[in-house]
Every structure is written in C-alpha cells, then in structure tokens.
Amino acid sequence: VSFPGVSGHKLLEAVALDLAASTGSACHSGDHAVSGVLGAMKV
C-alpha cells in the first residue's frame, strides 16, 4: 500500500521499534529509488 504524502522509507524508520517491514524486495533494501515493479506498473 502507498501512504499518501509521506516516504515509505521514512515511515518504516519511524515505526522501527514496533514493526519490521520493507518498501519492496529485500534484494534492493539499501536502494531508496522508486521500485522497478511499481515503475513497470506505471504507478
């Protein structure tokens, strides 16, 4: 899901003590660029 008006990375950083999740593939976890999958979906 996309949270309006915020960065997914910043959101997960803010909840790090309560939640472990990711913005996309673990193979790109260090890359804060827009997901290639979502780009291919024309999001």
All heavy atoms as atom14 arrays in JSON, in Angstrom:
{
  "sequence": "VSFPGVSGHKLLEAVALDLAASTGSACHSGDHAVSGVLGAMKV",
  "atom14_mask": [
    [1, 1, 1, 1, 1, 1, 1, 0, 0, 0, 0, 0, 0, 0],
    [1, 1, 1, 1, 1, 1, 0, 0, 0, 0, 0, 0, 0, 0],
    [1, 1, 1, 1, 1, 1, 1, 1, 1, 1, 1, 0, 0, 0],
    [1, 1, 1, 1, 1, 1, 1, 0, 0, 0, 0, 0, 0, 0],
    [1, 1, 1, 1, 0, 0, 0, 0, 0, 0, 0, 0, 0, 0],
    [1, 1, 1, 1, 1, 1, 1, 0, 0, 0, 0, 0, 0, 0],
    [1, 1, 1, 1, 1, 1, 0, 0, 0, 0, 0, 0, 0, 0],
    [1, 1, 1, 1, 0, 0, 0, 0, 0, 0, 0, 0, 0, 0],
    [1, 1, 1, 1, 1, 1, 1, 1, 1, 1, 0, 0, 0, 0],
    [1, 1, 1, 1, 1, 1, 1, 1, 1, 0, 0, 0, 0, 0],
    [1, 1, 1, 1, 1, 1, 1, 1, 0, 0, 0, 0, 0, 0],
    [1, 1, 1, 1, 1, 1, 1, 1, 0, 0, 0, 0, 0, 0],
    [1, 1, 1, 1, 1, 1, 1, 1, 1, 0, 0, 0, 0, 0],
    [1, 1, 1, 1, 1, 0, 0, 0, 0, 0, 0, 0, 0, 0],
    [1, 1, 1, 1, 1, 1, 1, 0, 0, 0, 0, 0, 0, 0],
    [1, 1, 1, 1, 1, 0, 0, 0, 0, 0, 0, 0, 0, 0],
    [1, 1, 1, 1, 1, 1, 1, 1, 0, 0, 0, 0, 0, 0],
    [1, 1, 1, 1, 1, 1, 1, 1, 0, 0, 0, 0, 0, 0],
    [1, 1, 1, 1, 1, 1, 1, 1, 0, 0, 0, 0, 0, 0],
    [1, 1, 1, 1, 1, 0, 0, 0, 0, 0, 0, 0, 0, 0],
    [1, 1, 1, 1, 1, 0, 0, 0, 0, 0, 0, 0, 0, 0],
    [1, 1, 1, 1, 1, 1, 0, 0, 0, 0, 0, 0, 0, 0],
    [1, 1, 1, 1, 1, 1, 1, 0, 0, 0, 0, 0, 0, 0],
    [1, 1, 1, 1, 0, 0, 0, 0, 0, 0, 0, 0, 0, 0],
    [1, 1, 1, 1, 1, 1, 0, 0, 0, 0, 0, 0, 0, 0],
    [1, 1, 1, 1, 1, 0, 0, 0, 0, 0, 0, 0, 0, 0],
    [1, 1, 1, 1, 1, 1, 0, 0, 0, 0, 0, 0, 0, 0],
    [1, 1, 1, 1, 1, 1, 1, 1, 1, 1, 0, 0, 0, 0],
    [1, 1, 1, 1, 1, 1, 0, 0, 0, 0, 0, 0, 0, 0],
    [1, 1, 1, 1, 0, 0, 0, 0, 0, 0, 0, 0, 0, 0],
    [1, 1, 1, 1, 1, 1, 1, 1, 0, 0, 0, 0, 0, 0],
    [1, 1, 1, 1, 1, 1, 1, 1, 1, 1, 0, 0, 0, 0],
    [1, 1, 1, 1, 1, 0, 0, 0, 0, 0, 0, 0, 0, 0],
    [1, 1, 1, 1, 1, 1, 1, 0, 0, 0, 0, 0, 0, 0],
    [1, 1, 1, 1, 1, 1, 0, 0, 0, 0, 0, 0, 0, 0],
    [1, 1, 1, 1, 0, 0, 0, 0, 0, 0, 0, 0, 0, 0],
    [1, 1, 1, 1, 1, 1, 1, 0, 0, 0, 0, 0, 0, 0],
    [1, 1, 1, 1, 1, 1, 1, 1, 0, 0, 0, 0, 0, 0],
    [1, 1, 1, 1, 0, 0, 0, 0, 0, 0, 0, 0, 0, 0],
    [1, 1, 1, 1, 1, 0, 0, 0, 0, 0, 0, 0, 0, 0],
    [1, 1, 1, 1, 1, 1, 1, 1, 0, 0, 0, 0, 0, 0],
    [1, 1, 1, 1, 1, 1, 1, 1, 1, 0, 0, 0, 0, 0],
    [1, 1, 1, 1, 1, 1, 1, 0, 0, 0, 0, 0, 0, 0]
  ],
  "atom14_positions": [
    [[0.84, -1.2, 0.0], [0.0, 0.0, 0.0], [0.88, 1.25, 0.0], [1.99, 1.25, 0.52], [-0.95, 0.04, 1.22], [-2.08, -0.94, 1.06], [-0.2, -0.21, 2.52], [0.0, 0.0, 0.0], [0.0, 0.0, 0.0], [0.0, 0.0, 0.0], [0.0, 0.0, 0.0], [0.0, 0.0, 0.0], [0.0, 0.0, 0.0], [0.0, 0.0, 0.0]],
    [[0.34, 2.3, -0.6], [1.02, 3.59, -0.62], [0.36, 4.54, 0.36], [-0.85, 4.76, 0.32], [0.97, 4.19, -2.03], [1.8, 3.46, -2.91], [0.0, 0.0, 0.0], [0.0, 0.0, 0.0], [0.0, 0.0, 0.0], [0.0, 0.0, 0.0], [0.0, 0.0, 0.0], [0.0, 0.0, 0.0], [0.0, 0.0, 0.0], [0.0, 0.0, 0.0]],
    [[1.17, 5.09, 1.26], [0.71, 6.05, 2.25], [0.85, 7.45, 1.65], [1.95, 7.85, 1.26], [1.55, 5.94, 3.53], [1.31, 4.68, 4.3], [1.89, 3.48, 3.89], [0.51, 4.67, 5.43], [1.68, 2.31, 4.6], [0.3, 3.51, 6.15], [0.87, 2.32, 5.73], [0.0, 0.0, 0.0], [0.0, 0.0, 0.0], [0.0, 0.0, 0.0]],
    [[-0.24, 8.19, 1.53], [-0.2, 9.49, 0.85], [0.63, 10.53, 1.59], [0.56, 10.65, 2.82], [-1.67, 9.91, 0.78], [-2.32, 9.18, 1.92], [-1.6, 7.88, 2.03], [0.0, 0.0, 0.0], [0.0, 0.0, 0.0], [0.0, 0.0, 0.0], [0.0, 0.0, 0.0], [0.0, 0.0, 0.0], [0.0, 0.0, 0.0], [0.0, 0.0, 0.0]],
    [[1.44, 11.25, 0.82], [2.14, 12.41, 1.36], [3.36, 12.12, 2.2], [3.92, 13.05, 2.8], [0.0, 0.0, 0.0], [0.0, 0.0, 0.0], [0.0, 0.0, 0.0], [0.0, 0.0, 0.0], [0.0, 0.0, 0.0], [0.0, 0.0, 0.0], [0.0, 0.0, 0.0], [0.0, 0.0, 0.0], [0.0, 0.0, 0.0], [0.0, 0.0, 0.0]],
    [[3.8, 10.85, 2.28], [5.0, 10.53, 3.06], [5.88, 9.57, 2.27], [5.45, 8.96, 1.29], [4.65, 9.89, 4.43], [3.75, 10.8, 5.24], [4.0, 8.52, 4.24], [0.0, 0.0, 0.0], [0.0, 0.0, 0.0], [0.0, 0.0, 0.0], [0.0, 0.0, 0.0], [0.0, 0.0, 0.0], [0.0, 0.0, 0.0], [0.0, 0.0, 0.0]],
    [[7.11, 9.43, 2.73], [8.03, 8.44, 2.17], [7.86, 7.13, 2.9], [7.84, 7.08, 4.13], [9.47, 8.93, 2.31], [10.39, 7.87, 2.26], [0.0, 0.0, 0.0], [0.0, 0.0, 0.0], [0.0, 0.0, 0.0], [0.0, 0.0, 0.0], [0.0, 0.0, 0.0], [0.0, 0.0, 0.0], [0.0, 0.0, 0.0], [0.0, 0.0, 0.0]],
    [[7.76, 6.03, 2.14], [7.65, 4.72, 2.75], [8.86, 4.41, 3.63], [8.73, 3.82, 4.71], [0.0, 0.0, 0.0], [0.0, 0.0, 0.0], [0.0, 0.0, 0.0], [0.0, 0.0, 0.0], [0.0, 0.0, 0.0], [0.0, 0.0, 0.0], [0.0, 0.0, 0.0], [0.0, 0.0, 0.0], [0.0, 0.0, 0.0], [0.0, 0.0, 0.0]],
    [[10.06, 4.81, 3.16], [11.27, 4.58, 3.95], [11.22, 5.33, 5.27], [11.54, 4.77, 6.33], [12.5, 5.01, 3.15], [12.83, 4.12, 2.01], [13.43, 2.88, 2.19], [12.65, 4.26, 0.68], [13.6, 2.31, 1.01], [13.14, 3.11, 0.08], [0.0, 0.0, 0.0], [0.0, 0.0, 0.0], [0.0, 0.0, 0.0], [0.0, 0.0, 0.0]],
    [[10.81, 6.58, 5.23], [10.72, 7.39, 6.46], [9.68, 6.81, 7.41], [9.85, 6.82, 8.63], [10.37, 8.84, 6.11], [11.45, 9.58, 5.34], [12.69, 9.82, 6.18], [13.71, 10.65, 5.44], [14.97, 10.81, 6.23], [0.0, 0.0, 0.0], [0.0, 0.0, 0.0], [0.0, 0.0, 0.0], [0.0, 0.0, 0.0], [0.0, 0.0, 0.0]],
    [[8.58, 6.34, 6.85], [7.52, 5.76, 7.67], [8.03, 4.53, 8.42], [7.81, 4.37, 9.62], [6.32, 5.4, 6.79], [5.09, 4.83, 7.51], [4.48, 5.87, 8.44], [4.06, 4.36, 6.49], [0.0, 0.0, 0.0], [0.0, 0.0, 0.0], [0.0, 0.0, 0.0], [0.0, 0.0, 0.0], [0.0, 0.0, 0.0], [0.0, 0.0, 0.0]],
    [[8.75, 3.66, 7.71], [9.26, 2.45, 8.36], [10.35, 2.76, 9.38], [10.48, 2.08, 10.39], [9.77, 1.47, 7.3], [8.7, 0.85, 6.4], [9.31, -0.11, 5.4], [7.63, 0.13, 7.23], [0.0, 0.0, 0.0], [0.0, 0.0, 0.0], [0.0, 0.0, 0.0], [0.0, 0.0, 0.0], [0.0, 0.0, 0.0], [0.0, 0.0, 0.0]],
    [[11.12, 3.79, 9.1], [12.11, 4.23, 10.1], [11.41, 4.7, 11.37], [11.88, 4.44, 12.49], [12.97, 5.35, 9.52], [13.98, 4.89, 8.48], [14.73, 6.06, 7.86], [14.5, 7.22, 8.26], [15.56, 5.81, 6.95], [0.0, 0.0, 0.0], [0.0, 0.0, 0.0], [0.0, 0.0, 0.0], [0.0, 0.0, 0.0], [0.0, 0.0, 0.0]],
    [[10.29, 5.38, 11.2], [9.57, 5.93, 12.34], [8.93, 4.85, 13.21], [8.71, 5.06, 14.41], [8.49, 6.91, 11.85], [0.0, 0.0, 0.0], [0.0, 0.0, 0.0], [0.0, 0.0, 0.0], [0.0, 0.0, 0.0], [0.0, 0.0, 0.0], [0.0, 0.0, 0.0], [0.0, 0.0, 0.0], [0.0, 0.0, 0.0], [0.0, 0.0, 0.0]],
    [[8.62, 3.69, 12.62], [7.95, 2.62, 13.38], [8.9, 1.46, 13.69], [8.46, 0.37, 14.07], [6.71, 2.09, 12.61], [5.69, 3.19, 12.42], [7.1, 1.46, 11.28], [0.0, 0.0, 0.0], [0.0, 0.0, 0.0], [0.0, 0.0, 0.0], [0.0, 0.0, 0.0], [0.0, 0.0, 0.0], [0.0, 0.0, 0.0], [0.0, 0.0, 0.0]],
    [[10.2, 1.66, 13.53], [11.17, 0.57, 13.62], [11.13, -0.18, 14.96], [11.46, -1.37, 15.01], [12.58, 1.11, 13.37], [0.0, 0.0, 0.0], [0.0, 0.0, 0.0], [0.0, 0.0, 0.0], [0.0, 0.0, 0.0], [0.0, 0.0, 0.0], [0.0, 0.0, 0.0], [0.0, 0.0, 0.0], [0.0, 0.0, 0.0], [0.0, 0.0, 0.0]],
    [[10.74, 0.49, 16.04], [10.68, -0.19, 17.33], [9.46, -1.1, 17.45], [9.42, -1.99, 18.31], [10.67, 0.84, 18.47], [11.96, 1.66, 18.64], [11.79, 2.66, 19.78], [13.16, 0.75, 18.89], [0.0, 0.0, 0.0], [0.0, 0.0, 0.0], [0.0, 0.0, 0.0], [0.0, 0.0, 0.0], [0.0, 0.0, 0.0], [0.0, 0.0, 0.0]],
    [[8.47, -0.86, 16.61], [7.23, -1.64, 16.68], [7.02, -2.6, 15.51], [6.26, -3.55, 15.63], [6.02, -0.69, 16.73], [5.91, 0.03, 18.06], [5.74, -0.65, 19.08], [6.03, 1.27, 18.07], [0.0, 0.0, 0.0], [0.0, 0.0, 0.0], [0.0, 0.0, 0.0], [0.0, 0.0, 0.0], [0.0, 0.0, 0.0], [0.0, 0.0, 0.0]],
    [[7.69, -2.33, 14.4], [7.38, -3.06, 13.17], [8.61, -3.25, 12.29], [9.37, -2.3, 12.06], [6.3, -2.31, 12.38], [5.97, -2.79, 10.98], [5.37, -4.19, 11.02], [5.01, -1.82, 10.29], [0.0, 0.0, 0.0], [0.0, 0.0, 0.0], [0.0, 0.0, 0.0], [0.0, 0.0, 0.0], [0.0, 0.0, 0.0], [0.0, 0.0, 0.0]],
    [[8.79, -4.46, 11.79], [9.83, -4.76, 10.82], [9.16, -5.12, 9.49], [8.48, -6.16, 9.39], [10.71, -5.91, 11.29], [0.0, 0.0, 0.0], [0.0, 0.0, 0.0], [0.0, 0.0, 0.0], [0.0, 0.0, 0.0], [0.0, 0.0, 0.0], [0.0, 0.0, 0.0], [0.0, 0.0, 0.0], [0.0, 0.0, 0.0], [0.0, 0.0, 0.0]],
    [[9.3, -4.26, 8.51], [8.73, -4.49, 7.18], [9.66, -3.86, 6.17], [10.78, -3.44, 6.5], [7.33, -3.9, 7.08], [0.0, 0.0, 0.0], [0.0, 0.0, 0.0], [0.0, 0.0, 0.0], [0.0, 0.0, 0.0], [0.0, 0.0, 0.0], [0.0, 0.0, 0.0], [0.0, 0.0, 0.0], [0.0, 0.0, 0.0], [0.0, 0.0, 0.0]],
    [[9.26, -3.78, 4.92], [10.13, -3.23, 3.89], [9.31, -2.45, 2.88], [8.08, -2.52, 2.86], [10.9, -4.35, 3.18], [10.02, -5.17, 2.44], [0.0, 0.0, 0.0], [0.0, 0.0, 0.0], [0.0, 0.0, 0.0], [0.0, 0.0, 0.0], [0.0, 0.0, 0.0], [0.0, 0.0, 0.0], [0.0, 0.0, 0.0], [0.0, 0.0, 0.0]],
    [[9.99, -1.72, 2.03], [9.3, -0.99, 0.97], [9.2, -1.82, -0.31], [8.46, -1.47, -1.22], [10.01, 0.33, 0.65], [11.37, 0.06, 0.3], [9.97, 1.27, 1.84], [0.0, 0.0, 0.0], [0.0, 0.0, 0.0], [0.0, 0.0, 0.0], [0.0, 0.0, 0.0], [0.0, 0.0, 0.0], [0.0, 0.0, 0.0], [0.0, 0.0, 0.0]],
    [[9.97, -2.89, -0.39], [9.95, -3.71, -1.59], [10.84, -4.92, -1.42], [11.0, -5.44, -0.32], [0.0, 0.0, 0.0], [0.0, 0.0, 0.0], [0.0, 0.0, 0.0], [0.0, 0.0, 0.0], [0.0, 0.0, 0.0], [0.0, 0.0, 0.0], [0.0, 0.0, 0.0], [0.0, 0.0, 0.0], [0.0, 0.0, 0.0], [0.0, 0.0, 0.0]],
    [[11.45, -5.36, -2.51], [12.29, -6.54, -2.49], [13.47, -6.37, -1.55], [14.12, -5.33, -1.52], [12.81, -6.83, -3.9], [13.78, -7.86, -3.88], [0.0, 0.0, 0.0], [0.0, 0.0, 0.0], [0.0, 0.0, 0.0], [0.0, 0.0, 0.0], [0.0, 0.0, 0.0], [0.0, 0.0, 0.0], [0.0, 0.0, 0.0], [0.0, 0.0, 0.0]],
    [[13.78, -7.43, -0.79], [14.94, -7.39, 0.1], [16.24, -7.24, -0.68], [17.24, -6.77, -0.15], [14.99, -8.66, 0.95], [0.0, 0.0, 0.0], [0.0, 0.0, 0.0], [0.0, 0.0, 0.0], [0.0, 0.0, 0.0], [0.0, 0.0, 0.0], [0.0, 0.0, 0.0], [0.0, 0.0, 0.0], [0.0, 0.0, 0.0], [0.0, 0.0, 0.0]],
    [[16.22, -7.63, -1.95], [17.42, -7.52, -2.77], [17.75, -6.07, -3.11], [18.81, -5.77, -3.63], [17.25, -8.31, -4.06], [17.15, -10.08, -3.78], [0.0, 0.0, 0.0], [0.0, 0.0, 0.0], [0.0, 0.0, 0.0], [0.0, 0.0, 0.0], [0.0, 0.0, 0.0], [0.0, 0.0, 0.0], [0.0, 0.0, 0.0], [0.0, 0.0, 0.0]],
    [[16.82, -5.14, -2.83], [17.05, -3.72, -3.09], [16.88, -2.9, -1.82], [16.63, -1.7, -1.87], [16.05, -3.2, -4.13], [16.13, -3.92, -5.44], [17.25, -3.91, -6.23], [15.23, -4.69, -6.1], [17.03, -4.62, -7.33], [15.82, -5.11, -7.26], [0.0, 0.0, 0.0], [0.0, 0.0, 0.0], [0.0, 0.0, 0.0], [0.0, 0.0, 0.0]],
    [[17.02, -3.56, -0.64], [16.69, -2.88, 0.61], [17.56, -1.67, 0.88], [17.15, -0.75, 1.59], [16.8, -3.86, 1.78], [18.12, -4.35, 1.89], [0.0, 0.0, 0.0], [0.0, 0.0, 0.0], [0.0, 0.0, 0.0], [0.0, 0.0, 0.0], [0.0, 0.0, 0.0], [0.0, 0.0, 0.0], [0.0, 0.0, 0.0], [0.0, 0.0, 0.0]],
    [[18.76, -1.63, 0.33], [19.63, -0.48, 0.55], [19.46, 0.61, -0.48], [20.13, 1.64, -0.43], [0.0, 0.0, 0.0], [0.0, 0.0, 0.0], [0.0, 0.0, 0.0], [0.0, 0.0, 0.0], [0.0, 0.0, 0.0], [0.0, 0.0, 0.0], [0.0, 0.0, 0.0], [0.0, 0.0, 0.0], [0.0, 0.0, 0.0], [0.0, 0.0, 0.0]],
    [[18.57, 0.38, -1.42], [18.36, 1.32, -2.52], [17.04, 2.04, -2.32], [15.98, 1.43, -2.36], [18.35, 0.54, -3.86], [18.19, 1.44, -5.06], [18.12, 2.68, -4.87], [18.14, 0.92, -6.18], [0.0, 0.0, 0.0], [0.0, 0.0, 0.0], [0.0, 0.0, 0.0], [0.0, 0.0, 0.0], [0.0, 0.0, 0.0], [0.0, 0.0, 0.0]],
    [[17.08, 3.36, -2.12], [15.86, 4.12, -1.85], [15.19, 4.65, -3.12], [14.32, 5.5, -3.05], [16.17, 5.28, -0.9], [16.42, 4.79, 0.5], [16.36, 5.63, 1.59], [16.73, 3.56, 0.99], [16.63, 4.93, 2.7], [16.86, 3.68, 2.35], [0.0, 0.0, 0.0], [0.0, 0.0, 0.0], [0.0, 0.0, 0.0], [0.0, 0.0, 0.0]],
    [[15.62, 4.14, -4.27], [14.98, 4.55, -5.52], [13.57, 3.95, -5.59], [13.23, 3.01, -4.88], [15.8, 4.08, -6.71], [0.0, 0.0, 0.0], [0.0, 0.0, 0.0], [0.0, 0.0, 0.0], [0.0, 0.0, 0.0], [0.0, 0.0, 0.0], [0.0, 0.0, 0.0], [0.0, 0.0, 0.0], [0.0, 0.0, 0.0], [0.0, 0.0, 0.0]],
    [[12.75, 4.52, -6.46], [11.39, 4.02, -6.65], [11.46, 2.57, -7.15], [12.29, 2.22, -7.98], [10.64, 4.91, -7.66], [9.33, 4.27, -8.07], [10.38, 6.28, -7.04], [0.0, 0.0, 0.0], [0.0, 0.0, 0.0], [0.0, 0.0, 0.0], [0.0, 0.0, 0.0], [0.0, 0.0, 0.0], [0.0, 0.0, 0.0], [0.0, 0.0, 0.0]],
    [[10.58, 1.73, -6.62], [10.54, 0.32, -7.0], [10.39, 0.16, -8.51], [9.53, 0.78, -9.13], [9.35, -0.35, -6.3], [8.98, -1.53, -6.95], [0.0, 0.0, 0.0], [0.0, 0.0, 0.0], [0.0, 0.0, 0.0], [0.0, 0.0, 0.0], [0.0, 0.0, 0.0], [0.0, 0.0, 0.0], [0.0, 0.0, 0.0], [0.0, 0.0, 0.0]],
    [[11.22, -0.71, -9.08], [11.11, -1.01, -10.5], [9.81, -1.69, -10.85], [9.27, -1.51, -11.94], [0.0, 0.0, 0.0], [0.0, 0.0, 0.0], [0.0, 0.0, 0.0], [0.0, 0.0, 0.0], [0.0, 0.0, 0.0], [0.0, 0.0, 0.0], [0.0, 0.0, 0.0], [0.0, 0.0, 0.0], [0.0, 0.0, 0.0], [0.0, 0.0, 0.0]],
    [[9.28, -2.48, -9.9], [8.0, -3.14, -10.11], [6.89, -2.11, -10.23], [6.08, -2.14, -11.16], [7.71, -4.14, -8.98], [6.27, -4.67, -9.09], [8.69, -5.29, -9.01], [0.0, 0.0, 0.0], [0.0, 0.0, 0.0], [0.0, 0.0, 0.0], [0.0, 0.0, 0.0], [0.0, 0.0, 0.0], [0.0, 0.0, 0.0], [0.0, 0.0, 0.0]],
    [[6.85, -1.15, -9.3], [5.81, -0.12, -9.35], [6.01, 0.77, -10.57], [5.03, 1.24, -11.17], [5.84, 0.72, -8.07], [5.51, -0.04, -6.78], [5.51, 0.91, -5.59], [4.16, -0.75, -6.89], [0.0, 0.0, 0.0], [0.0, 0.0, 0.0], [0.0, 0.0, 0.0], [0.0, 0.0, 0.0], [0.0, 0.0, 0.0], [0.0, 0.0, 0.0]],
    [[7.25, 1.02, -10.95], [7.52, 1.77, -12.17], [6.97, 1.07, -13.39], [6.36, 1.71, -14.26], [0.0, 0.0, 0.0], [0.0, 0.0, 0.0], [0.0, 0.0, 0.0], [0.0, 0.0, 0.0], [0.0, 0.0, 0.0], [0.0, 0.0, 0.0], [0.0, 0.0, 0.0], [0.0, 0.0, 0.0], [0.0, 0.0, 0.0], [0.0, 0.0, 0.0]],
    [[7.16, -0.25, -13.46], [6.64, -1.03, -14.59], [5.12, -1.02, -14.61], [4.5, -1.15, -15.68], [7.15, -2.46, -14.51], [0.0, 0.0, 0.0], [0.0, 0.0, 0.0], [0.0, 0.0, 0.0], [0.0, 0.0, 0.0], [0.0, 0.0, 0.0], [0.0, 0.0, 0.0], [0.0, 0.0, 0.0], [0.0, 0.0, 0.0], [0.0, 0.0, 0.0]],
    [[4.5, -0.86, -13.44], [3.04, -0.79, -13.34], [2.5, 0.62, -13.62], [1.3, 0.85, -13.52], [2.6, -1.24, -11.95], [2.83, -2.72, -11.68], [2.71, -3.17, -9.91], [1.06, -2.58, -9.5], [0.0, 0.0, 0.0], [0.0, 0.0, 0.0], [0.0, 0.0, 0.0], [0.0, 0.0, 0.0], [0.0, 0.0, 0.0], [0.0, 0.0, 0.0]],
    [[3.4, 1.53, -13.94], [3.05, 2.93, -14.25], [2.42, 3.65, -13.05], [1.57, 4.54, -13.21], [2.09, 2.99, -15.44], [2.64, 2.35, -16.73], [3.84, 3.1, -17.26], [4.23, 2.64, -18.67], [4.7, 1.24, -18.72], [0.0, 0.0, 0.0], [0.0, 0.0, 0.0], [0.0, 0.0, 0.0], [0.0, 0.0, 0.0], [0.0, 0.0, 0.0]],
    [[2.85, 3.26, -11.85], [2.41, 3.96, -10.65], [3.11, 5.32, -10.6], [4.29, 5.42, -10.92], [2.75, 3.12, -9.39], [2.55, 3.93, -8.12], [1.91, 1.86, -9.36], [0.0, 0.0, 0.0], [0.0, 0.0, 0.0], [0.0, 0.0, 0.0], [0.0, 0.0, 0.0], [0.0, 0.0, 0.0], [0.0, 0.0, 0.0], [0.0, 0.0, 0.0]]
  ]
}
